[in-house]
């Protein structure tokens, strides 16, 4: 399910990918619990999707949830933890870039 959602996200088909990520998150939460590092995986992917579609508020919240789980379960130096932390730090930059280039992007649509 996550693999299909990732493929749809790469195609920028966010409307089809998002329900798959949300369904995967629900399944992972019921299988592993809300604070398991496996559950942080769909949270992280959902955060990426929200970032990519410009929903920065939700992306911020989801990155924070995933980061808290990864730090608790894997430690602050684990590669997964570091990746989420980096993406969270870069979120303001993604917002600025999107805001600056939005008028230009609209010209080519």
C-alpha atoms as a PDB file:
ATOM      1  CA  UNK A   1       0.000   0.000   0.000  1.00  0.00           C
ATOM      2  CA  UNK A   2       2.787   2.412   0.870  1.00  0.00           C
ATOM      3  CA  UNK A   3       4.641   1.427  -2.299  1.00  0.00           C
ATOM      4  CA  UNK A   4       1.634   2.306  -4.457  1.00  0.00           C
ATOM      5  CA  UNK A   5       1.125   5.572  -2.561  1.00  0.00           C
ATOM      6  CA  UNK A   6       4.790   6.474  -3.136  1.00  0.00           C
ATOM      7  CA  UNK A   7       4.449   5.751  -6.853  1.00  0.00           C
ATOM      8  CA  UNK A   8       1.336   7.929  -7.065  1.00  0.00           C
ATOM      9  CA  UNK A   9       3.101  10.696  -5.133  1.00  0.00           C
ATOM     10  CA  UNK A  10       5.995  10.615  -7.597  1.00  0.00           C
ATOM     11  CA  UNK A  11       3.442  11.158 -10.362  1.00  0.00           C
ATOM     12  CA  UNK A  12       2.035  14.046  -8.295  1.00  0.00           C
ATOM     13  CA  UNK A  13      -1.274  12.240  -7.983  1.00  0.00           C
ATOM     14  CA  UNK A  14      -1.646  13.385  -4.390  1.00  0.00           C
ATOM     15  CA  UNK A  15      -5.413  12.912  -4.274  1.00  0.00           C
ATOM     16  CA  UNK A  16      -5.002   9.198  -4.960  1.00  0.00           C
ATOM     17  CA  UNK A  17      -1.914   8.749  -2.769  1.00  0.00           C
ATOM     18  CA  UNK A  18      -3.173  10.445   0.387  1.00  0.00           C
ATOM     19  CA  UNK A  19      -5.978   7.981   1.239  1.00  0.00           C
ATOM     20  CA  UNK A  20      -3.550   5.102   0.767  1.00  0.00           C
ATOM     21  CA  UNK A  21      -1.061   6.644   3.190  1.00  0.00           C
ATOM     22  CA  UNK A  22      -3.842   7.347   5.682  1.00  0.00           C
ATOM     23  CA  UNK A  23      -5.133   3.781   5.389  1.00  0.00           C
ATOM     24  CA  UNK A  24      -1.609   2.420   5.857  1.00  0.00           C
ATOM     25  CA  UNK A  25      -1.222   4.612   8.941  1.00  0.00           C
ATOM     26  CA  UNK A  26      -4.458   3.252  10.407  1.00  0.00           C
ATOM     27  CA  UNK A  27      -3.351  -0.318   9.737  1.00  0.00           C
ATOM     28  CA  UNK A  28       0.116   0.250  11.220  1.00  0.00           C
ATOM     29  CA  UNK A  29      -1.365   1.896  14.305  1.00  0.00           C
ATOM     30  CA  UNK A  30      -3.695  -1.037  14.914  1.00  0.00           C
ATOM     31  CA  UNK A  31      -0.950  -3.609  14.289  1.00  0.00           C
ATOM     32  CA  UNK A  32       1.980  -1.974  16.088  1.00  0.00           C
ATOM     33  CA  UNK A  33       0.517   0.777  18.281  1.00  0.00           C
ATOM     34  CA  UNK A  34       0.695   4.555  17.911  1.00  0.00           C
ATOM     35  CA  UNK A  35       4.228   4.956  19.255  1.00  0.00           C
ATOM     36  CA  UNK A  36       5.981   2.146  17.375  1.00  0.00           C
ATOM     37  CA  UNK A  37       8.759   3.060  14.948  1.00  0.00           C
ATOM     38  CA  UNK A  38       6.941   1.112  12.202  1.00  0.00           C
ATOM     39  CA  UNK A  39       3.996   3.467  12.630  1.00  0.00           C
ATOM     40  CA  UNK A  40       6.281   6.453  12.090  1.00  0.00           C
ATOM     41  CA  UNK A  41       6.981   5.295   8.518  1.00  0.00           C
ATOM     42  CA  UNK A  42       3.548   6.120   7.042  1.00  0.00           C
ATOM     43  CA  UNK A  43       3.495   9.281   9.182  1.00  0.00           C
ATOM     44  CA  UNK A  44       6.744  10.360   7.552  1.00  0.00           C
ATOM     45  CA  UNK A  45       5.528   9.573   4.039  1.00  0.00           C
ATOM     46  CA  UNK A  46       2.260  11.385   4.685  1.00  0.00           C
ATOM     47  CA  UNK A  47       4.257  14.399   5.905  1.00  0.00           C
ATOM     48  CA  UNK A  48       6.244  14.354   2.656  1.00  0.00           C
ATOM     49  CA  UNK A  49       3.032  14.237   0.649  1.00  0.00           C
ATOM     50  CA  UNK A  50       1.577  17.169   2.592  1.00  0.00           C
ATOM     51  CA  UNK A  51       4.778  19.139   2.028  1.00  0.00           C
ATOM     52  CA  UNK A  52       4.786  18.346  -1.675  1.00  0.00           C
ATOM     53  CA  UNK A  53       1.212  19.484  -2.146  1.00  0.00           C
ATOM     54  CA  UNK A  54       1.827  22.668  -0.142  1.00  0.00           C
ATOM     55  CA  UNK A  55      -0.046  21.703   3.039  1.00  0.00           C
ATOM     56  CA  UNK A  56       2.751  22.868   5.333  1.00  0.00           C
ATOM     57  CA  UNK A  57       0.729  22.986   8.562  1.00  0.00           C
ATOM     58  CA  UNK A  58      -0.162  19.294   8.339  1.00  0.00           C
ATOM     59  CA  UNK A  59       3.333  18.412   7.132  1.00  0.00           C
ATOM     60  CA  UNK A  60       4.795  20.151  10.193  1.00  0.00           C
ATOM     61  CA  UNK A  61       2.538  18.236  12.591  1.00  0.00           C
ATOM     62  CA  UNK A  62       3.160  14.887  10.904  1.00  0.00           C
ATOM     63  CA  UNK A  63       6.944  15.396  10.812  1.00  0.00           C
ATOM     64  CA  UNK A  64       6.851  16.214  14.531  1.00  0.00           C
ATOM     65  CA  UNK A  65       4.871  13.063  15.305  1.00  0.00           C
ATOM     66  CA  UNK A  66       7.224  10.889  13.263  1.00  0.00           C
ATOM     67  CA  UNK A  67      10.288  12.553  14.784  1.00  0.00           C
ATOM     68  CA  UNK A  68       9.039  12.016  18.339  1.00  0.00           C
ATOM     69  CA  UNK A  69       8.482   8.312  17.658  1.00  0.00           C
ATOM     70  CA  UNK A  70      11.826   7.790  15.913  1.00  0.00           C
ATOM     71  CA  UNK A  71      13.723   9.617  18.675  1.00  0.00           C
ATOM     72  CA  UNK A  72      11.972   7.602  21.370  1.00  0.00           C
ATOM     73  CA  UNK A  73      12.357   4.213  19.706  1.00  0.00           C
ATOM     74  CA  UNK A  74      15.533   4.519  17.617  1.00  0.00           C
ATOM     75  CA  UNK A  75      17.505   7.322  19.260  1.00  0.00           C
ATOM     76  CA  UNK A  76      18.572  10.759  18.097  1.00  0.00           C
ATOM     77  CA  UNK A  77      21.462   9.519  15.933  1.00  0.00           C
ATOM     78  CA  UNK A  78      19.549   6.918  13.920  1.00  0.00           C
ATOM     79  CA  UNK A  79      19.458   7.646  10.148  1.00  0.00           C
ATOM     80  CA  UNK A  80      15.635   7.660  10.121  1.00  0.00           C
ATOM     81  CA  UNK A  81      15.555  10.183  12.953  1.00  0.00           C
ATOM     82  CA  UNK A  82      18.149  12.349  11.237  1.00  0.00           C
ATOM     83  CA  UNK A  83      16.230  12.268   7.937  1.00  0.00           C
ATOM     84  CA  UNK A  84      12.963  13.389   9.544  1.00  0.00           C
ATOM     85  CA  UNK A  85      14.775  16.094  11.496  1.00  0.00           C
ATOM     86  CA  UNK A  86      16.413  17.375   8.286  1.00  0.00           C
ATOM     87  CA  UNK A  87      13.104  17.392   6.402  1.00  0.00           C
ATOM     88  CA  UNK A  88      11.459  19.252   9.273  1.00  0.00           C
ATOM     89  CA  UNK A  89      14.251  21.854   9.290  1.00  0.00           C
ATOM     90  CA  UNK A  90      13.904  22.275   5.510  1.00  0.00           C
ATOM     91  CA  UNK A  91      10.139  22.751   5.620  1.00  0.00           C
ATOM     92  CA  UNK A  92      10.331  26.577   5.851  1.00  0.00           C
ATOM     93  CA  UNK A  93      12.617  26.590   2.815  1.00  0.00           C
ATOM     94  CA  UNK A  94      10.132  24.482   0.832  1.00  0.00           C
ATOM     95  CA  UNK A  95       7.424  26.977   1.755  1.00  0.00           C
ATOM     96  CA  UNK A  96       9.516  29.950   0.623  1.00  0.00           C
ATOM     97  CA  UNK A  97      10.511  28.304  -2.650  1.00  0.00           C
ATOM     98  CA  UNK A  98       6.935  27.372  -3.451  1.00  0.00           C
ATOM     99  CA  UNK A  99       5.702  30.876  -2.632  1.00  0.00           C
ATOM    100  CA  UNK A 100       8.402  32.506  -4.770  1.00  0.00           C
ATOM    101  CA  UNK A 101       7.936  30.257  -7.777  1.00  0.00           C
ATOM    102  CA  UNK A 102       4.167  29.832  -7.683  1.00  0.00           C
ATOM    103  CA  UNK A 103       3.486  32.712 -10.121  1.00  0.00           C
ATOM    104  CA  UNK A 104       6.064  31.343 -12.540  1.00  0.00           C
ATOM    105  CA  UNK A 105       4.717  27.789 -12.294  1.00  0.00           C
ATOM    106  CA  UNK A 106       1.208  29.057 -13.055  1.00  0.00           C
ATOM    107  CA  UNK A 107       2.462  30.489 -16.355  1.00  0.00           C
ATOM    108  CA  UNK A 108       3.466  27.026 -17.566  1.00  0.00           C
ATOM    109  CA  UNK A 109       0.271  25.203 -16.602  1.00  0.00           C
END
